[in-house]
Amino acid sequence: MKCVICKQGKTRPGKTTVTLQRDGTTLVVVNVPAEVCENCREAYVEEDTARELLERAEEAARAGVVVEVRSYGARLSKDSHA
């Protein structure tokens, strides 16, 4: 697709970093799959991906997290002990 920000580049499959902030919680998620503009590097995530990111941010806020960095593909089970 053509980038709606720079209107010059086309997007290609890639990865991006998403930072979400809410109520004193900052969640940084790296390696998020996205369509990334080859010109300006603007990233577009799919609706399902955005929904999952928002759910993770909500979970972090409920848990009282202040700052956390996660990898998109890594999901620790509640029973795991890292």
PDB file of N, CA and C in Angstrom:
ATOM      1  N   MET A   1       0.838  -1.178   0.000  1.00  0.00           N
ATOM      2  CA  MET A   1       0.000   0.000   0.000  1.00  0.00           C
ATOM      3  C   MET A   1       0.882   1.240   0.000  1.00  0.00           C
ATOM      4  N   LYS A   2       0.360   2.343  -0.452  1.00  0.00           N
ATOM      5  CA  LYS A   2       1.087   3.601  -0.447  1.00  0.00           C
ATOM      6  C   LYS A   2       0.953   4.241   0.940  1.00  0.00           C
ATOM      7  N   CYS A   3       2.042   4.798   1.428  1.00  0.00           N
ATOM      8  CA  CYS A   3       2.061   5.400   2.757  1.00  0.00           C
ATOM      9  C   CYS A   3       1.168   6.636   2.798  1.00  0.00           C
ATOM     10  N   VAL A   4       0.295   6.686   3.796  1.00  0.00           N
ATOM     11  CA  VAL A   4      -0.607   7.830   3.933  1.00  0.00           C
ATOM     12  C   VAL A   4       0.070   9.013   4.623  1.00  0.00           C
ATOM     13  N   ILE A   5       1.249   8.792   5.209  1.00  0.00           N
ATOM     14  CA  ILE A   5       1.966   9.867   5.891  1.00  0.00           C
ATOM     15  C   ILE A   5       2.826  10.653   4.896  1.00  0.00           C
ATOM     16  N   CYS A   6       3.771   9.972   4.238  1.00  0.00           N
ATOM     17  CA  CYS A   6       4.672  10.680   3.324  1.00  0.00           C
ATOM     18  C   CYS A   6       4.150  10.732   1.897  1.00  0.00           C
ATOM     19  N   LYS A   7       3.209   9.860   1.584  1.00  0.00           N
ATOM     20  CA  LYS A   7       2.601   9.774   0.252  1.00  0.00           C
ATOM     21  C   LYS A   7       3.621   9.490  -0.850  1.00  0.00           C
ATOM     22  N   GLN A   8       4.807   9.044  -0.477  1.00  0.00           N
ATOM     23  CA  GLN A   8       5.865   8.742  -1.440  1.00  0.00           C
ATOM     24  C   GLN A   8       6.194   7.250  -1.494  1.00  0.00           C
ATOM     25  N   GLY A   9       6.356   6.652  -0.317  1.00  0.00           N
ATOM     26  CA  GLY A   9       6.825   5.276  -0.246  1.00  0.00           C
ATOM     27  C   GLY A   9       5.700   4.258  -0.259  1.00  0.00           C
ATOM     28  N   LYS A  10       6.110   3.026  -0.489  1.00  0.00           N
ATOM     29  CA  LYS A  10       5.199   1.889  -0.390  1.00  0.00           C
ATOM     30  C   LYS A  10       5.580   1.091   0.847  1.00  0.00           C
ATOM     31  N   THR A  11       4.598   0.411   1.420  1.00  0.00           N
ATOM     32  CA  THR A  11       4.876  -0.374   2.618  1.00  0.00           C
ATOM     33  C   THR A  11       5.296  -1.783   2.241  1.00  0.00           C
ATOM     34  N   ARG A  12       6.103  -2.335   3.116  1.00  0.00           N
ATOM     35  CA  ARG A  12       6.592  -3.707   2.985  1.00  0.00           C
ATOM     36  C   ARG A  12       6.458  -4.383   4.346  1.00  0.00           C
ATOM     37  N   PRO A  13       6.308  -5.699   4.368  1.00  0.00           N
ATOM     38  CA  PRO A  13       6.254  -6.397   5.653  1.00  0.00           C
ATOM     39  C   PRO A  13       7.548  -6.168   6.442  1.00  0.00           C
ATOM     40  N   GLY A  14       7.390  -5.913   7.728  1.00  0.00           N
ATOM     41  CA  GLY A  14       8.550  -5.692   8.586  1.00  0.00           C
ATOM     42  C   GLY A  14       8.170  -5.781  10.052  1.00  0.00           C
ATOM     43  N   LYS A  15       8.974  -5.185  10.887  1.00  0.00           N
ATOM     44  CA  LYS A  15       8.743  -5.169  12.343  1.00  0.00           C
ATOM     45  C   LYS A  15       8.872  -3.731  12.824  1.00  0.00           C
ATOM     46  N   THR A  16       8.213  -3.445  13.941  1.00  0.00           N
ATOM     47  CA  THR A  16       8.286  -2.120  14.531  1.00  0.00           C
ATOM     48  C   THR A  16       8.262  -2.245  16.043  1.00  0.00           C
ATOM     49  N   THR A  17       8.479  -1.137  16.709  1.00  0.00           N
ATOM     50  CA  THR A  17       8.365  -1.055  18.162  1.00  0.00           C
ATOM     51  C   THR A  17       7.168  -0.167  18.479  1.00  0.00           C
ATOM     52  N   VAL A  18       6.309  -0.631  19.370  1.00  0.00           N
ATOM     53  CA  VAL A  18       5.115   0.118  19.760  1.00  0.00           C
ATOM     54  C   VAL A  18       5.239   0.479  21.237  1.00  0.00           C
ATOM     55  N   THR A  19       5.009   1.748  21.550  1.00  0.00           N
ATOM     56  CA  THR A  19       5.026   2.216  22.937  1.00  0.00           C
ATOM     57  C   THR A  19       3.621   2.674  23.305  1.00  0.00           C
ATOM     58  N   LEU A  20       3.081   2.100  24.370  1.00  0.00           N
ATOM     59  CA  LEU A  20       1.742   2.447  24.848  1.00  0.00           C
ATOM     60  C   LEU A  20       1.849   2.977  26.271  1.00  0.00           C
ATOM     61  N   GLN A  21       1.146   4.060  26.555  1.00  0.00           N
ATOM     62  CA  GLN A  21       1.135   4.637  27.897  1.00  0.00           C
ATOM     63  C   GLN A  21      -0.297   4.818  28.356  1.00  0.00           C
ATOM     64  N   ARG A  22      -0.514   4.480  29.646  1.00  0.00           N
ATOM     65  CA  ARG A  22      -1.850   4.636  30.222  1.00  0.00           C
ATOM     66  C   ARG A  22      -1.757   4.635  31.734  1.00  0.00           C
ATOM     67  N   ASP A  23      -2.365   5.629  32.354  1.00  0.00           N
ATOM     68  CA  ASP A  23      -2.467   5.677  33.814  1.00  0.00           C
ATOM     69  C   ASP A  23      -1.161   5.359  34.528  1.00  0.00           C
ATOM     70  N   GLY A  24      -0.051   5.963  34.087  1.00  0.00           N
ATOM     71  CA  GLY A  24       1.223   5.743  34.747  1.00  0.00           C
ATOM     72  C   GLY A  24       1.956   4.487  34.329  1.00  0.00           C
ATOM     73  N   THR A  25       1.403   3.725  33.394  1.00  0.00           N
ATOM     74  CA  THR A  25       2.041   2.516  32.886  1.00  0.00           C
ATOM     75  C   THR A  25       2.578   2.791  31.488  1.00  0.00           C
ATOM     76  N   THR A  26       3.830   2.390  31.259  1.00  0.00           N
ATOM     77  CA  THR A  26       4.411   2.470  29.925  1.00  0.00           C
ATOM     78  C   THR A  26       4.800   1.061  29.505  1.00  0.00           C
ATOM     79  N   LEU A  27       4.259   0.612  28.383  1.00  0.00           N
ATOM     80  CA  LEU A  27       4.552  -0.712  27.846  1.00  0.00           C
ATOM     81  C   LEU A  27       5.195  -0.525  26.478  1.00  0.00           C
ATOM     82  N   VAL A  28       6.401  -1.073  26.330  1.00  0.00           N
ATOM     83  CA  VAL A  28       7.117  -1.028  25.064  1.00  0.00           C
ATOM     84  C   VAL A  28       7.139  -2.450  24.513  1.00  0.00           C
ATOM     85  N   VAL A  29       6.644  -2.628  23.299  1.00  0.00           N
ATOM     86  CA  VAL A  29       6.608  -3.952  22.684  1.00  0.00           C
ATOM     87  C   VAL A  29       7.467  -3.895  21.421  1.00  0.00           C
ATOM     88  N   VAL A  30       8.507  -4.729  21.382  1.00  0.00           N
ATOM     89  CA  VAL A  30       9.407  -4.775  20.236  1.00  0.00           C
ATOM     90  C   VAL A  30       9.055  -5.951  19.332  1.00  0.00           C
ATOM     91  N   ASN A  31       9.530  -5.901  18.101  1.00  0.00           N
ATOM     92  CA  ASN A  31       9.328  -6.971  17.114  1.00  0.00           C
ATOM     93  C   ASN A  31       7.863  -7.176  16.757  1.00  0.00           C
ATOM     94  N   VAL A  32       7.101  -6.095  16.702  1.00  0.00           N
ATOM     95  CA  VAL A  32       5.691  -6.168  16.334  1.00  0.00           C
ATOM     96  C   VAL A  32       5.600  -6.245  14.809  1.00  0.00           C
ATOM     97  N   PRO A  33       4.903  -7.254  14.269  1.00  0.00           N
ATOM     98  CA  PRO A  33       4.750  -7.335  12.814  1.00  0.00           C
ATOM     99  C   PRO A  33       3.939  -6.149  12.299  1.00  0.00           C
ATOM    100  N   ALA A  34       4.404  -5.570  11.194  1.00  0.00           N
ATOM    101  CA  ALA A  34       3.743  -4.391  10.656  1.00  0.00           C
ATOM    102  C   ALA A  34       4.073  -4.243   9.177  1.00  0.00           C
ATOM    103  N   GLU A  35       3.337  -3.380   8.525  1.00  0.00           N
ATOM    104  CA  GLU A  35       3.669  -2.916   7.185  1.00  0.00           C
ATOM    105  C   GLU A  35       4.437  -1.620   7.412  1.00  0.00           C
ATOM    106  N   VAL A  36       5.666  -1.537   6.903  1.00  0.00           N
ATOM    107  CA  VAL A  36       6.536  -0.399   7.178  1.00  0.00           C
ATOM    108  C   VAL A  36       6.859   0.321   5.872  1.00  0.00           C
ATOM    109  N   CYS A  37       6.712   1.649   5.879  1.00  0.00           N
ATOM    110  CA  CYS A  37       6.997   2.448   4.699  1.00  0.00           C
ATOM    111  C   CYS A  37       8.493   2.411   4.397  1.00  0.00           C
ATOM    112  N   GLU A  38       8.828   2.120   3.155  1.00  0.00           N
ATOM    113  CA  GLU A  38      10.235   2.061   2.760  1.00  0.00           C
ATOM    114  C   GLU A  38      10.873   3.447   2.696  1.00  0.00           C
ATOM    115  N   ASN A  39      10.078   4.506   2.683  1.00  0.00           N
ATOM    116  CA  ASN A  39      10.595   5.863   2.590  1.00  0.00           C
ATOM    117  C   ASN A  39      10.734   6.527   3.954  1.00  0.00           C
ATOM    118  N   CYS A  40       9.632   6.622   4.708  1.00  0.00           N
ATOM    119  CA  CYS A  40       9.651   7.370   5.974  1.00  0.00           C
ATOM    120  C   CYS A  40       9.654   6.481   7.221  1.00  0.00           C
ATOM    121  N   ARG A  41       9.529   5.168   7.037  1.00  0.00           N
ATOM    122  CA  ARG A  41       9.547   4.173   8.119  1.00  0.00           C
ATOM    123  C   ARG A  41       8.295   4.183   8.998  1.00  0.00           C
ATOM    124  N   GLU A  42       7.235   4.899   8.576  1.00  0.00           N
ATOM    125  CA  GLU A  42       5.959   4.835   9.298  1.00  0.00           C
ATOM    126  C   GLU A  42       5.490   3.385   9.294  1.00  0.00           C
ATOM    127  N   ALA A  43       4.951   2.924  10.426  1.00  0.00           N
ATOM    128  CA  ALA A  43       4.531   1.525  10.545  1.00  0.00           C
ATOM    129  C   ALA A  43       3.022   1.440  10.739  1.00  0.00           C
ATOM    130  N   TYR A  44       2.432   0.449  10.115  1.00  0.00           N
ATOM    131  CA  TYR A  44       0.997   0.197  10.197  1.00  0.00           C
ATOM    132  C   TYR A  44       0.804  -1.231  10.694  1.00  0.00           C
ATOM    133  N   VAL A  45       0.088  -1.391  11.819  1.00  0.00           N
ATOM    134  CA  VAL A  45      -0.166  -2.734  12.358  1.00  0.00           C
ATOM    135  C   VAL A  45      -1.597  -3.153  12.027  1.00  0.00           C
ATOM    136  N   GLU A  46      -1.783  -4.442  11.858  1.00  0.00           N
ATOM    137  CA  GLU A  46      -3.099  -4.999  11.577  1.00  0.00           C
ATOM    138  C   GLU A  46      -4.029  -4.772  12.769  1.00  0.00           C
ATOM    139  N   GLU A  47      -5.311  -4.764  12.512  1.00  0.00           N
ATOM    140  CA  GLU A  47      -6.303  -4.530  13.564  1.00  0.00           C
ATOM    141  C   GLU A  47      -6.206  -5.558  14.685  1.00  0.00           C
ATOM    142  N   ASP A  48      -6.040  -6.830  14.337  1.00  0.00           N
ATOM    143  CA  ASP A  48      -5.929  -7.878  15.359  1.00  0.00           C
ATOM    144  C   ASP A  48      -4.680  -7.676  16.219  1.00  0.00           C
ATOM    145  N   THR A  49      -3.594  -7.261  15.604  1.00  0.00           N
ATOM    146  CA  THR A  49      -2.353  -6.999  16.337  1.00  0.00           C
ATOM    147  C   THR A  49      -2.549  -5.828  17.289  1.00  0.00           C
ATOM    148  N   ALA A  50      -3.180  -4.764  16.805  1.00  0.00           N
ATOM    149  CA  ALA A  50      -3.443  -3.590  17.655  1.00  0.00           C
ATOM    150  C   ALA A  50      -4.317  -3.975  18.838  1.00  0.00           C
ATOM    151  N   ARG A  51      -5.323  -4.794  18.598  1.00  0.00           N
ATOM    152  CA  ARG A  51      -6.213  -5.233  19.678  1.00  0.00           C
ATOM    153  C   ARG A  51      -5.424  -6.009  20.731  1.00  0.00           C
ATOM    154  N   GLU A  52      -4.542  -6.902  20.286  1.00  0.00           N
ATOM    155  CA  GLU A  52      -3.733  -7.682  21.224  1.00  0.00           C
ATOM    156  C   GLU A  52      -2.791  -6.779  22.027  1.00  0.00           C
ATOM    157  N   LEU A  53      -2.195  -5.791  21.374  1.00  0.00           N
ATOM    158  CA  LEU A  53      -1.312  -4.862  22.070  1.00  0.00           C
ATOM    159  C   LEU A  53      -2.074  -4.085  23.142  1.00  0.00           C
ATOM    160  N   LEU A  54      -3.268  -3.644  22.822  1.00  0.00           N
ATOM    161  CA  LEU A  54      -4.081  -2.911  23.797  1.00  0.00           C
ATOM    162  C   LEU A  54      -4.473  -3.801  24.974  1.00  0.00           C
ATOM    163  N   GLU A  55      -4.763  -5.077  24.696  1.00  0.00           N
ATOM    164  CA  GLU A  55      -5.081  -6.016  25.785  1.00  0.00           C
ATOM    165  C   GLU A  55      -3.875  -6.201  26.702  1.00  0.00           C
ATOM    166  N   ARG A  56      -2.684  -6.328  26.116  1.00  0.00           N
ATOM    167  CA  ARG A  56      -1.460  -6.479  26.920  1.00  0.00           C
ATOM    168  C   ARG A  56      -1.222  -5.240  27.777  1.00  0.00           C
ATOM    169  N   ALA A  57      -1.472  -4.068  27.201  1.00  0.00           N
ATOM    170  CA  ALA A  57      -1.287  -2.825  27.958  1.00  0.00           C
ATOM    171  C   ALA A  57      -2.271  -2.747  29.114  1.00  0.00           C
ATOM    172  N   GLU A  58      -3.493  -3.168  28.879  1.00  0.00           N
ATOM    173  CA  GLU A  58      -4.511  -3.171  29.938  1.00  0.00           C
ATOM    174  C   GLU A  58      -4.101  -4.121  31.065  1.00  0.00           C
ATOM    175  N   GLU A  59      -3.598  -5.313  30.711  1.00  0.00           N
ATOM    176  CA  GLU A  59      -3.132  -6.279  31.710  1.00  0.00           C
ATOM    177  C   GLU A  59      -1.983  -5.690  32.533  1.00  0.00           C
ATOM    178  N   ALA A  60      -1.055  -5.020  31.857  1.00  0.00           N
ATOM    179  CA  ALA A  60       0.085  -4.420  32.551  1.00  0.00           C
ATOM    180  C   ALA A  60      -0.377  -3.329  33.506  1.00  0.00           C
ATOM    181  N   ALA A  61      -1.326  -2.504  33.078  1.00  0.00           N
ATOM    182  CA  ALA A  61      -1.846  -1.423  33.938  1.00  0.00           C
ATOM    183  C   ALA A  61      -2.541  -2.014  35.162  1.00  0.00           C
ATOM    184  N   ARG A  62      -3.331  -3.066  34.961  1.00  0.00           N
ATOM    185  CA  ARG A  62      -4.021  -3.706  36.093  1.00  0.00           C
ATOM    186  C   ARG A  62      -3.030  -4.327  37.069  1.00  0.00           C
ATOM    187  N   ALA A  63      -1.893  -4.791  36.562  1.00  0.00           N
ATOM    188  CA  ALA A  63      -0.882  -5.426  37.410  1.00  0.00           C
ATOM    189  C   ALA A  63      -0.004  -4.401  38.122  1.00  0.00           C
ATOM    190  N   GLY A  64      -0.197  -3.131  37.810  1.00  0.00           N
ATOM    191  CA  GLY A  64       0.575  -2.093  38.479  1.00  0.00           C
ATOM    192  C   GLY A  64       1.959  -1.863  37.891  1.00  0.00           C
ATOM    193  N   VAL A  65       2.168  -2.317  36.664  1.00  0.00           N
ATOM    194  CA  VAL A  65       3.457  -2.137  36.006  1.00  0.00           C
ATOM    195  C   VAL A  65       3.700  -0.646  35.769  1.00  0.00           C
ATOM    196  N   VAL A  66       4.919  -0.202  36.011  1.00  0.00           N
ATOM    197  CA  VAL A  66       5.281   1.191  35.726  1.00  0.00           C
ATOM    198  C   VAL A  66       5.898   1.260  34.331  1.00  0.00           C
ATOM    199  N   VAL A  67       6.957   0.475  34.079  1.00  0.00           N
ATOM    200  CA  VAL A  67       7.591   0.405  32.766  1.00  0.00           C
ATOM    201  C   VAL A  67       7.932  -1.055  32.489  1.00  0.00           C
ATOM    202  N   GLU A  68       7.605  -1.512  31.296  1.00  0.00           N
ATOM    203  CA  GLU A  68       7.930  -2.885  30.924  1.00  0.00           C
ATOM    204  C   GLU A  68       8.234  -2.933  29.437  1.00  0.00           C
ATOM    205  N   VAL A  69       9.237  -3.740  29.075  1.00  0.00           N
ATOM    206  CA  VAL A  69       9.589  -3.961  27.673  1.00  0.00           C
ATOM    207  C   VAL A  69       9.363  -5.439  27.390  1.00  0.00           C
ATOM    208  N   ARG A  70       8.576  -5.712  26.335  1.00  0.00           N
ATOM    209  CA  ARG A  70       8.279  -7.093  25.953  1.00  0.00           C
ATOM    210  C   ARG A  70       8.578  -7.295  24.478  1.00  0.00           C
ATOM    211  N   SER A  71       8.845  -8.535  24.113  1.00  0.00           N
ATOM    212  CA  SER A  71       8.947  -8.901  22.707  1.00  0.00           C
ATOM    213  C   SER A  71       7.580  -9.406  22.279  1.00  0.00           C
ATOM    214  N   TYR A  72       7.128  -9.011  21.107  1.00  0.00           N
ATOM    215  CA  TYR A  72       5.786  -9.355  20.659  1.00  0.00           C
ATOM    216  C   TYR A  72       5.544 -10.861  20.655  1.00  0.00           C
ATOM    217  N   GLY A  73       6.483 -11.641  20.197  1.00  0.00           N
ATOM    218  CA  GLY A  73       6.287 -13.085  20.089  1.00  0.00           C
ATOM    219  C   GLY A  73       6.399 -13.825  21.407  1.00  0.00           C
ATOM    220  N   ALA A  74       7.020 -13.233  22.401  1.00  0.00           N
ATOM    221  CA  ALA A  74       7.234 -13.918  23.681  1.00  0.00           C
ATOM    222  C   ALA A  74       6.024 -13.726  24.576  1.00  0.00           C
ATOM    223  N   ARG A  75       5.480 -14.819  25.030  1.00  0.00           N
ATOM    224  CA  ARG A  75       4.352 -14.740  25.949  1.00  0.00           C
ATOM    225  C   ARG A  75       4.591 -15.759  27.047  1.00  0.00           C
ATOM    226  N   LEU A  76       4.925 -15.255  28.234  1.00  0.00           N
ATOM    227  CA  LEU A  76       5.182 -16.142  29.363  1.00  0.00           C
ATOM    228  C   LEU A  76       3.864 -16.593  29.953  1.00  0.00           C
ATOM    229  N   SER A  77       3.771 -17.865  30.270  1.00  0.00           N
ATOM    230  CA  SER A  77       2.567 -18.336  30.940  1.00  0.00           C
ATOM    231  C   SER A  77       2.601 -17.887  32.393  1.00  0.00           C
ATOM    232  N   LYS A  78       1.457 -17.833  33.021  1.00  0.00           N
ATOM    233  CA  LYS A  78       1.386 -17.386  34.407  1.00  0.00           C
ATOM    234  C   LYS A  78       2.069 -18.351  35.356  1.00  0.00           C
ATOM    235  N   ASP A  79       2.271 -19.598  34.896  1.00  0.00           N
ATOM    236  CA  ASP A  79       2.888 -20.601  35.741  1.00  0.00           C
ATOM    237  C   ASP A  79       4.394 -20.662  35.574  1.00  0.00           C
ATOM    238  N   SER A  80       4.969 -19.987  34.562  1.00  0.00           N
ATOM    239  CA  SER A  80       6.401 -20.117  34.307  1.00  0.00           C
ATOM    240  C   SER A  80       7.205 -19.299  35.310  1.00  0.00           C
ATOM    241  N   HIS A  81       8.371 -19.778  35.595  1.00  0.00           N
ATOM    242  CA  HIS A  81       9.278 -19.084  36.502  1.00  0.00           C
ATOM    243  C   HIS A  81      10.552 -18.812  35.725  1.00  0.00           C
ATOM    244  N   ALA A  82      10.717 -17.566  35.257  1.00  0.00           N
ATOM    245  CA  ALA A  82      11.883 -17.225  34.444  1.00  0.00           C
ATOM    246  C   ALA A  82      13.080 -16.916  35.317  1.00  0.00           C
TER     247      ALA A  82
END
